[in-house]
Amino acid sequence: MLLRIIYFITLVFTSFAGFAQENTKPGYDAALAKKLGADAYGMKQYVMVILVTGKAAIEDKALKDSLFAGHMKNIGRLAKEGKLVVAGPYGKNDLNYRGVFVFNTASVEETKAMVGTDPAVLAGIFDAIYIPWYCTAGLVEVNGIHEKVQKTSF
């Protein structure tokens, strides 16, 4: 009888132990998740920046061209440093949204410092709206993929 009780208790505890184990998805790569800074859901915090039309109306074409060249150079630098994950312009719209940046940081203050290195923002061509954003940690892999599909540089 004692043997049956011990067997029953062992069976109950091993059953509960199975339920308590983490439900890890097939194909999960723990090393990659750690490298990308992913949480248990494969997500992480970023800061999205919406660039909107600024107050400066720069008429001098040479100056404007120079500021936009600096803007593009700054984007390239931040991307190469791994700080800027995604950047691109919006199409014409009624909201005066001009472009978007997604930064690989959870800190709005740190993002403001990085955006503050953009000549077009400094000149007032663009103003910036900062929004914390929770998204897939895999987003940081986009720049590496982009390098493989970009035929011509700006």
N, C-alpha and C. Protein backbone atom coordinates (compact mmCIF):
# COMPACT_ATOMS: atom_id res chain seq x y z
N MET A 1 0.82 -1.19 0.00
CA MET A 1 0.00 0.00 0.00
C MET A 1 0.86 1.25 0.00
N LEU A 2 1.91 1.25 0.82
CA LEU A 2 2.81 2.39 0.89
C LEU A 2 3.45 2.63 -0.48
N LEU A 3 3.77 1.56 -1.16
CA LEU A 3 4.38 1.68 -2.48
C LEU A 3 3.43 2.35 -3.47
N ARG A 4 2.14 2.04 -3.38
CA ARG A 4 1.14 2.65 -4.25
C ARG A 4 1.00 4.14 -3.96
N ILE A 5 1.04 4.52 -2.71
CA ILE A 5 0.94 5.94 -2.32
C ILE A 5 2.15 6.71 -2.86
N ILE A 6 3.33 6.14 -2.69
CA ILE A 6 4.55 6.79 -3.19
C ILE A 6 4.47 6.92 -4.71
N TYR A 7 4.00 5.86 -5.37
CA TYR A 7 3.87 5.90 -6.82
C TYR A 7 2.89 6.99 -7.24
N PHE A 8 1.75 7.10 -6.56
CA PHE A 8 0.73 8.10 -6.87
C PHE A 8 1.28 9.51 -6.67
N ILE A 9 1.96 9.75 -5.56
CA ILE A 9 2.53 11.07 -5.27
C ILE A 9 3.57 11.44 -6.34
N THR A 10 4.41 10.49 -6.70
CA THR A 10 5.42 10.73 -7.74
C THR A 10 4.75 11.08 -9.07
N LEU A 11 3.70 10.37 -9.41
CA LEU A 11 2.97 10.62 -10.64
C LEU A 11 2.36 12.02 -10.65
N VAL A 12 1.76 12.42 -9.55
CA VAL A 12 1.14 13.75 -9.44
C VAL A 12 2.19 14.85 -9.60
N PHE A 13 3.31 14.73 -8.88
CA PHE A 13 4.34 15.76 -8.94
C PHE A 13 4.99 15.85 -10.32
N THR A 14 5.22 14.74 -10.96
CA THR A 14 5.83 14.79 -12.29
C THR A 14 4.85 15.36 -13.31
N SER A 15 3.57 15.14 -13.11
CA SER A 15 2.56 15.72 -14.00
C SER A 15 2.55 17.23 -13.87
N PHE A 16 2.56 17.74 -12.63
CA PHE A 16 2.57 19.19 -12.41
C PHE A 16 3.87 19.82 -12.91
N ALA A 17 4.95 19.11 -12.79
CA ALA A 17 6.24 19.63 -13.27
C ALA A 17 6.18 19.86 -14.78
N GLY A 18 5.49 19.00 -15.48
CA GLY A 18 5.34 19.16 -16.93
C GLY A 18 4.55 20.41 -17.27
N PHE A 19 3.51 20.71 -16.48
CA PHE A 19 2.72 21.90 -16.72
C PHE A 19 3.50 23.17 -16.39
N ALA A 20 4.39 23.08 -15.44
CA ALA A 20 5.14 24.25 -14.99
C ALA A 20 6.25 24.64 -15.95
N GLN A 21 6.63 23.74 -16.84
CA GLN A 21 7.71 24.06 -17.76
C GLN A 21 7.26 25.15 -18.73
N GLU A 22 8.24 25.96 -19.16
CA GLU A 22 7.98 27.04 -20.09
C GLU A 22 7.57 26.48 -21.44
N ASN A 23 6.63 27.14 -22.08
CA ASN A 23 6.15 26.72 -23.39
C ASN A 23 7.00 27.40 -24.46
N THR A 24 8.16 26.85 -24.77
CA THR A 24 9.08 27.43 -25.74
C THR A 24 8.68 27.01 -27.15
N LYS A 25 8.57 27.99 -28.03
CA LYS A 25 8.17 27.73 -29.41
C LYS A 25 9.25 26.98 -30.16
N PRO A 26 8.85 26.09 -31.07
CA PRO A 26 9.83 25.43 -31.93
C PRO A 26 10.54 26.48 -32.78
N GLY A 27 11.83 26.31 -32.99
CA GLY A 27 12.59 27.26 -33.79
C GLY A 27 13.15 28.43 -33.02
N TYR A 28 12.83 28.52 -31.73
CA TYR A 28 13.32 29.61 -30.89
C TYR A 28 14.84 29.55 -30.81
N ASP A 29 15.51 30.68 -31.03
CA ASP A 29 16.97 30.76 -31.00
C ASP A 29 17.36 31.67 -29.83
N ALA A 30 17.68 31.07 -28.70
CA ALA A 30 17.99 31.84 -27.49
C ALA A 30 19.19 32.76 -27.68
N ALA A 31 20.20 32.30 -28.40
CA ALA A 31 21.39 33.13 -28.63
C ALA A 31 21.04 34.37 -29.45
N LEU A 32 20.23 34.19 -30.49
CA LEU A 32 19.82 35.33 -31.32
C LEU A 32 18.94 36.28 -30.52
N ALA A 33 18.02 35.74 -29.74
CA ALA A 33 17.15 36.58 -28.91
C ALA A 33 17.98 37.44 -27.96
N LYS A 34 18.99 36.84 -27.36
CA LYS A 34 19.86 37.58 -26.45
C LYS A 34 20.65 38.65 -27.20
N LYS A 35 21.20 38.29 -28.35
CA LYS A 35 21.98 39.24 -29.17
C LYS A 35 21.14 40.46 -29.56
N LEU A 36 19.87 40.22 -29.90
CA LEU A 36 19.00 41.30 -30.35
C LEU A 36 18.34 42.05 -29.20
N GLY A 37 18.46 41.55 -27.98
CA GLY A 37 17.85 42.20 -26.83
C GLY A 37 16.36 41.93 -26.71
N ALA A 38 15.93 40.77 -27.20
CA ALA A 38 14.51 40.42 -27.19
C ALA A 38 14.04 40.01 -25.80
N ASP A 39 12.79 40.34 -25.51
CA ASP A 39 12.17 39.83 -24.29
C ASP A 39 11.58 38.45 -24.60
N ALA A 40 10.81 37.90 -23.69
CA ALA A 40 10.26 36.55 -23.86
C ALA A 40 9.31 36.45 -25.06
N TYR A 41 8.77 37.59 -25.49
CA TYR A 41 7.86 37.60 -26.63
C TYR A 41 8.58 37.89 -27.95
N GLY A 42 9.91 38.04 -27.90
CA GLY A 42 10.67 38.37 -29.10
C GLY A 42 10.58 39.84 -29.46
N MET A 43 10.20 40.66 -28.50
CA MET A 43 9.98 42.09 -28.73
C MET A 43 11.00 42.91 -27.95
N LYS A 44 11.08 44.20 -28.28
CA LYS A 44 11.90 45.12 -27.51
C LYS A 44 11.37 46.54 -27.71
N GLN A 45 11.86 47.43 -26.90
CA GLN A 45 11.43 48.83 -26.95
C GLN A 45 12.34 49.62 -27.89
N TYR A 46 11.75 50.46 -28.70
CA TYR A 46 12.44 51.39 -29.59
C TYR A 46 11.86 52.78 -29.35
N VAL A 47 12.41 53.77 -30.04
CA VAL A 47 11.77 55.08 -30.09
C VAL A 47 11.56 55.43 -31.55
N MET A 48 10.30 55.70 -31.90
CA MET A 48 9.94 56.12 -33.25
C MET A 48 9.92 57.65 -33.26
N VAL A 49 10.45 58.22 -34.33
CA VAL A 49 10.46 59.67 -34.49
C VAL A 49 9.72 59.99 -35.77
N ILE A 50 8.69 60.81 -35.66
CA ILE A 50 7.98 61.29 -36.83
C ILE A 50 8.54 62.68 -37.13
N LEU A 51 9.10 62.85 -38.32
CA LEU A 51 9.57 64.16 -38.75
C LEU A 51 8.42 64.87 -39.44
N VAL A 52 8.13 66.08 -38.99
CA VAL A 52 7.06 66.89 -39.57
C VAL A 52 7.68 68.16 -40.15
N THR A 53 6.93 68.81 -41.03
CA THR A 53 7.41 70.06 -41.62
C THR A 53 7.70 71.06 -40.52
N GLY A 54 8.91 71.60 -40.55
CA GLY A 54 9.33 72.58 -39.55
C GLY A 54 8.93 74.00 -39.93
N LYS A 55 9.33 74.94 -39.11
CA LYS A 55 8.95 76.34 -39.30
C LYS A 55 9.87 77.07 -40.29
N ALA A 56 11.06 76.54 -40.53
CA ALA A 56 12.02 77.22 -41.41
C ALA A 56 11.62 77.05 -42.87
N ALA A 57 11.59 78.16 -43.58
CA ALA A 57 11.34 78.14 -45.02
C ALA A 57 12.64 78.59 -45.70
N ILE A 58 13.47 77.65 -46.05
CA ILE A 58 14.77 77.96 -46.63
C ILE A 58 14.63 78.03 -48.15
N GLU A 59 14.84 79.23 -48.69
CA GLU A 59 14.68 79.46 -50.13
C GLU A 59 15.97 79.22 -50.91
N ASP A 60 17.12 79.41 -50.26
CA ASP A 60 18.42 79.25 -50.92
C ASP A 60 18.61 77.78 -51.29
N LYS A 61 18.59 77.49 -52.61
CA LYS A 61 18.66 76.10 -53.08
C LYS A 61 19.96 75.42 -52.67
N ALA A 62 21.07 76.12 -52.77
CA ALA A 62 22.37 75.53 -52.41
C ALA A 62 22.40 75.16 -50.93
N LEU A 63 21.87 76.04 -50.08
CA LEU A 63 21.83 75.77 -48.64
C LEU A 63 20.91 74.59 -48.36
N LYS A 64 19.73 74.61 -48.98
CA LYS A 64 18.77 73.52 -48.78
C LYS A 64 19.37 72.18 -49.23
N ASP A 65 20.01 72.17 -50.40
CA ASP A 65 20.65 70.94 -50.90
C ASP A 65 21.73 70.46 -49.93
N SER A 66 22.50 71.40 -49.39
CA SER A 66 23.56 71.06 -48.44
C SER A 66 22.98 70.46 -47.16
N LEU A 67 21.89 71.04 -46.67
CA LEU A 67 21.25 70.53 -45.45
C LEU A 67 20.69 69.13 -45.67
N PHE A 68 20.08 68.89 -46.84
CA PHE A 68 19.54 67.56 -47.11
C PHE A 68 20.65 66.54 -47.34
N ALA A 69 21.76 66.97 -47.94
CA ALA A 69 22.91 66.07 -48.08
C ALA A 69 23.43 65.68 -46.70
N GLY A 70 23.50 66.65 -45.79
CA GLY A 70 23.92 66.38 -44.42
C GLY A 70 22.93 65.47 -43.70
N HIS A 71 21.65 65.68 -43.97
CA HIS A 71 20.58 64.84 -43.41
C HIS A 71 20.80 63.38 -43.81
N MET A 72 21.05 63.15 -45.10
CA MET A 72 21.25 61.78 -45.60
C MET A 72 22.55 61.18 -45.05
N LYS A 73 23.58 61.98 -44.96
CA LYS A 73 24.86 61.50 -44.42
C LYS A 73 24.70 61.11 -42.95
N ASN A 74 23.95 61.92 -42.21
CA ASN A 74 23.70 61.64 -40.79
C ASN A 74 22.91 60.34 -40.62
N ILE A 75 21.91 60.15 -41.48
CA ILE A 75 21.13 58.91 -41.44
C ILE A 75 22.06 57.71 -41.65
N GLY A 76 22.93 57.80 -42.66
CA GLY A 76 23.87 56.71 -42.94
C GLY A 76 24.80 56.43 -41.76
N ARG A 77 25.29 57.49 -41.13
CA ARG A 77 26.20 57.33 -39.99
C ARG A 77 25.49 56.63 -38.83
N LEU A 78 24.30 57.10 -38.49
CA LEU A 78 23.56 56.51 -37.37
C LEU A 78 23.18 55.06 -37.65
N ALA A 79 22.86 54.76 -38.91
CA ALA A 79 22.54 53.37 -39.28
C ALA A 79 23.77 52.48 -39.14
N LYS A 80 24.91 52.96 -39.63
CA LYS A 80 26.15 52.17 -39.53
C LYS A 80 26.55 51.91 -38.08
N GLU A 81 26.25 52.87 -37.20
CA GLU A 81 26.55 52.73 -35.77
C GLU A 81 25.55 51.81 -35.07
N GLY A 82 24.50 51.38 -35.77
CA GLY A 82 23.49 50.50 -35.18
C GLY A 82 22.48 51.22 -34.32
N LYS A 83 22.48 52.54 -34.37
CA LYS A 83 21.55 53.33 -33.55
C LYS A 83 20.23 53.57 -34.27
N LEU A 84 20.29 53.75 -35.58
CA LEU A 84 19.10 53.99 -36.39
C LEU A 84 18.74 52.70 -37.11
N VAL A 85 17.54 52.20 -36.86
CA VAL A 85 17.12 50.92 -37.41
C VAL A 85 16.42 51.10 -38.75
N VAL A 86 15.53 52.08 -38.83
CA VAL A 86 14.74 52.32 -40.03
C VAL A 86 14.61 53.82 -40.23
N ALA A 87 14.67 54.25 -41.49
CA ALA A 87 14.43 55.65 -41.82
C ALA A 87 13.83 55.71 -43.22
N GLY A 88 12.95 56.66 -43.42
CA GLY A 88 12.40 56.82 -44.75
C GLY A 88 11.39 57.94 -44.80
N PRO A 89 11.16 58.46 -46.01
CA PRO A 89 10.21 59.56 -46.17
C PRO A 89 8.77 59.04 -46.30
N TYR A 90 7.85 59.89 -45.92
CA TYR A 90 6.43 59.64 -46.17
C TYR A 90 6.07 60.24 -47.53
N GLY A 91 5.05 59.71 -48.15
CA GLY A 91 4.50 60.34 -49.34
C GLY A 91 3.73 61.59 -48.93
N LYS A 92 3.33 62.36 -49.90
CA LYS A 92 2.58 63.59 -49.64
C LYS A 92 1.34 63.25 -48.81
N ASN A 93 1.11 64.05 -47.75
CA ASN A 93 -0.03 63.79 -46.86
C ASN A 93 -0.49 65.09 -46.21
N ASP A 94 -1.71 65.09 -45.70
CA ASP A 94 -2.31 66.28 -45.08
C ASP A 94 -1.82 66.53 -43.66
N LEU A 95 -1.06 65.63 -43.09
CA LEU A 95 -0.59 65.77 -41.72
C LEU A 95 0.76 66.47 -41.62
N ASN A 96 1.36 66.79 -42.76
CA ASN A 96 2.71 67.38 -42.82
C ASN A 96 3.77 66.43 -42.26
N TYR A 97 3.48 65.13 -42.28
CA TYR A 97 4.48 64.14 -41.90
C TYR A 97 5.46 64.02 -43.07
N ARG A 98 6.74 64.17 -42.77
CA ARG A 98 7.75 64.15 -43.82
C ARG A 98 8.56 62.85 -43.82
N GLY A 99 8.80 62.28 -42.64
CA GLY A 99 9.60 61.07 -42.59
C GLY A 99 9.52 60.40 -41.24
N VAL A 100 10.13 59.22 -41.16
CA VAL A 100 10.12 58.45 -39.92
C VAL A 100 11.51 57.91 -39.65
N PHE A 101 11.88 57.89 -38.39
CA PHE A 101 13.08 57.22 -37.90
C PHE A 101 12.62 56.23 -36.84
N VAL A 102 13.29 55.10 -36.75
CA VAL A 102 13.12 54.20 -35.61
C VAL A 102 14.51 53.97 -35.03
N PHE A 103 14.68 54.35 -33.76
CA PHE A 103 15.97 54.24 -33.09
C PHE A 103 16.02 53.03 -32.18
N ASN A 104 17.19 52.42 -32.14
CA ASN A 104 17.44 51.22 -31.33
C ASN A 104 17.78 51.62 -29.90
N THR A 105 16.85 52.25 -29.25
CA THR A 105 16.99 52.65 -27.86
C THR A 105 15.60 52.79 -27.26
N ALA A 106 15.49 52.62 -25.97
CA ALA A 106 14.22 52.82 -25.28
C ALA A 106 14.14 54.22 -24.69
N SER A 107 15.22 55.00 -24.80
CA SER A 107 15.31 56.31 -24.16
C SER A 107 14.96 57.44 -25.13
N VAL A 108 13.89 58.17 -24.82
CA VAL A 108 13.53 59.33 -25.63
C VAL A 108 14.62 60.39 -25.55
N GLU A 109 15.20 60.59 -24.37
CA GLU A 109 16.27 61.59 -24.22
C GLU A 109 17.47 61.25 -25.09
N GLU A 110 17.87 60.01 -25.10
CA GLU A 110 18.99 59.58 -25.94
C GLU A 110 18.65 59.79 -27.42
N THR A 111 17.41 59.50 -27.79
CA THR A 111 16.96 59.68 -29.16
C THR A 111 16.99 61.15 -29.55
N LYS A 112 16.55 62.02 -28.65
CA LYS A 112 16.59 63.46 -28.94
C LYS A 112 18.02 63.93 -29.21
N ALA A 113 18.97 63.41 -28.46
CA ALA A 113 20.37 63.77 -28.68
C ALA A 113 20.84 63.32 -30.06
N MET A 114 20.41 62.14 -30.50
CA MET A 114 20.82 61.64 -31.82
C MET A 114 20.14 62.44 -32.94
N VAL A 115 18.86 62.73 -32.78
CA VAL A 115 18.15 63.52 -33.78
C VAL A 115 18.74 64.93 -33.84
N GLY A 116 19.24 65.41 -32.71
CA GLY A 116 19.87 66.72 -32.65
C GLY A 116 21.16 66.84 -33.44
N THR A 117 21.64 65.74 -34.02
CA THR A 117 22.83 65.79 -34.88
C THR A 117 22.44 65.92 -36.36
N ASP A 118 21.16 65.99 -36.65
CA ASP A 118 20.68 66.06 -38.03
C ASP A 118 20.64 67.53 -38.49
N PRO A 119 21.38 67.89 -39.54
CA PRO A 119 21.41 69.28 -40.01
C PRO A 119 20.04 69.82 -40.41
N ALA A 120 19.18 69.00 -41.00
CA ALA A 120 17.86 69.47 -41.42
C ALA A 120 16.97 69.76 -40.22
N VAL A 121 17.12 69.00 -39.16
CA VAL A 121 16.37 69.26 -37.93
C VAL A 121 16.92 70.52 -37.25
N LEU A 122 18.24 70.61 -37.17
CA LEU A 122 18.87 71.79 -36.55
C LEU A 122 18.50 73.07 -37.28
N ALA A 123 18.33 73.01 -38.61
CA ALA A 123 18.00 74.20 -39.40
C ALA A 123 16.51 74.53 -39.34
N GLY A 124 15.69 73.65 -38.75
CA GLY A 124 14.26 73.91 -38.64
C GLY A 124 13.44 73.45 -39.83
N ILE A 125 14.06 72.72 -40.76
CA ILE A 125 13.30 72.17 -41.89
C ILE A 125 12.32 71.12 -41.37
N PHE A 126 12.76 70.36 -40.38
CA PHE A 126 11.92 69.35 -39.74
C PHE A 126 11.81 69.62 -38.25
N ASP A 127 10.64 69.33 -37.71
CA ASP A 127 10.45 69.20 -36.26
C ASP A 127 10.25 67.71 -36.01
N ALA A 128 10.45 67.29 -34.77
CA ALA A 128 10.38 65.86 -34.46
C ALA A 128 9.37 65.57 -33.36
N ILE A 129 8.64 64.49 -33.53
CA ILE A 129 7.71 63.96 -32.53
C ILE A 129 8.29 62.61 -32.10
N TYR A 130 8.42 62.40 -30.80
CA TYR A 130 9.07 61.20 -30.25
C TYR A 130 8.02 60.29 -29.62
N ILE A 131 8.02 59.01 -30.02
CA ILE A 131 7.02 58.06 -29.53
C ILE A 131 7.71 56.75 -29.15
N PRO A 132 7.65 56.33 -27.88
CA PRO A 132 8.15 54.99 -27.52
C PRO A 132 7.36 53.94 -28.30
N TRP A 133 8.05 52.92 -28.78
CA TRP A 133 7.42 51.93 -29.65
C TRP A 133 7.93 50.54 -29.31
N TYR A 134 7.02 49.61 -29.10
CA TYR A 134 7.31 48.21 -28.77
C TYR A 134 7.10 47.38 -30.03
N CYS A 135 8.16 46.71 -30.49
CA CYS A 135 8.10 46.01 -31.78
C CYS A 135 9.03 44.80 -31.74
N THR A 136 8.99 44.00 -32.77
CA THR A 136 9.85 42.83 -32.85
C THR A 136 11.33 43.21 -32.72
N ALA A 137 12.06 42.45 -31.94
CA ALA A 137 13.50 42.67 -31.79
C ALA A 137 14.22 42.40 -33.10
N GLY A 138 13.61 41.62 -33.97
CA GLY A 138 14.20 41.31 -35.27
C GLY A 138 14.32 42.51 -36.19
N LEU A 139 13.65 43.60 -35.86
CA LEU A 139 13.71 44.81 -36.68
C LEU A 139 15.15 45.31 -36.84
N VAL A 140 15.99 45.10 -35.83
CA VAL A 140 17.37 45.59 -35.90
C VAL A 140 18.18 44.89 -37.00
N GLU A 141 17.67 43.82 -37.55
CA GLU A 141 18.37 43.11 -38.62
C GLU A 141 18.14 43.74 -39.99
N VAL A 142 17.25 44.72 -40.08
CA VAL A 142 16.89 45.32 -41.37
C VAL A 142 18.09 45.96 -42.06
N ASN A 143 18.93 46.69 -41.34
CA ASN A 143 20.06 47.36 -41.98
C ASN A 143 20.99 46.38 -42.68
N GLY A 144 21.25 45.24 -42.07
CA GLY A 144 22.09 44.23 -42.71
C GLY A 144 21.47 43.69 -43.98
N ILE A 145 20.17 43.53 -43.97
CA ILE A 145 19.46 43.06 -45.16
C ILE A 145 19.46 44.15 -46.23
N HIS A 146 19.23 45.40 -45.80
CA HIS A 146 19.19 46.52 -46.74
C HIS A 146 20.50 46.65 -47.53
N GLU A 147 21.61 46.45 -46.84
CA GLU A 147 22.92 46.53 -47.51
C GLU A 147 23.00 45.54 -48.67
N LYS A 148 22.30 44.44 -48.58
CA LYS A 148 22.35 43.41 -49.61
C LYS A 148 21.42 43.70 -50.79
N VAL A 149 20.43 44.57 -50.59
CA VAL A 149 19.48 44.85 -51.66
C VAL A 149 19.62 46.26 -52.23
N GLN A 150 20.44 47.11 -51.61
CA GLN A 150 20.64 48.48 -52.08
C GLN A 150 21.68 48.49 -53.19
N LYS A 151 21.26 48.86 -54.39
CA LYS A 151 22.17 48.89 -55.54
C LYS A 151 22.93 50.21 -55.62
N THR A 152 22.27 51.33 -55.28
CA THR A 152 22.85 52.66 -55.40
C THR A 152 22.70 53.42 -54.09
N SER A 153 23.71 54.18 -53.72
CA SER A 153 23.66 55.00 -52.51
C SER A 153 23.06 56.38 -52.82
N PHE A 154 22.56 57.04 -51.79
CA PHE A 154 22.06 58.41 -51.95
C PHE A 154 23.21 59.36 -52.09
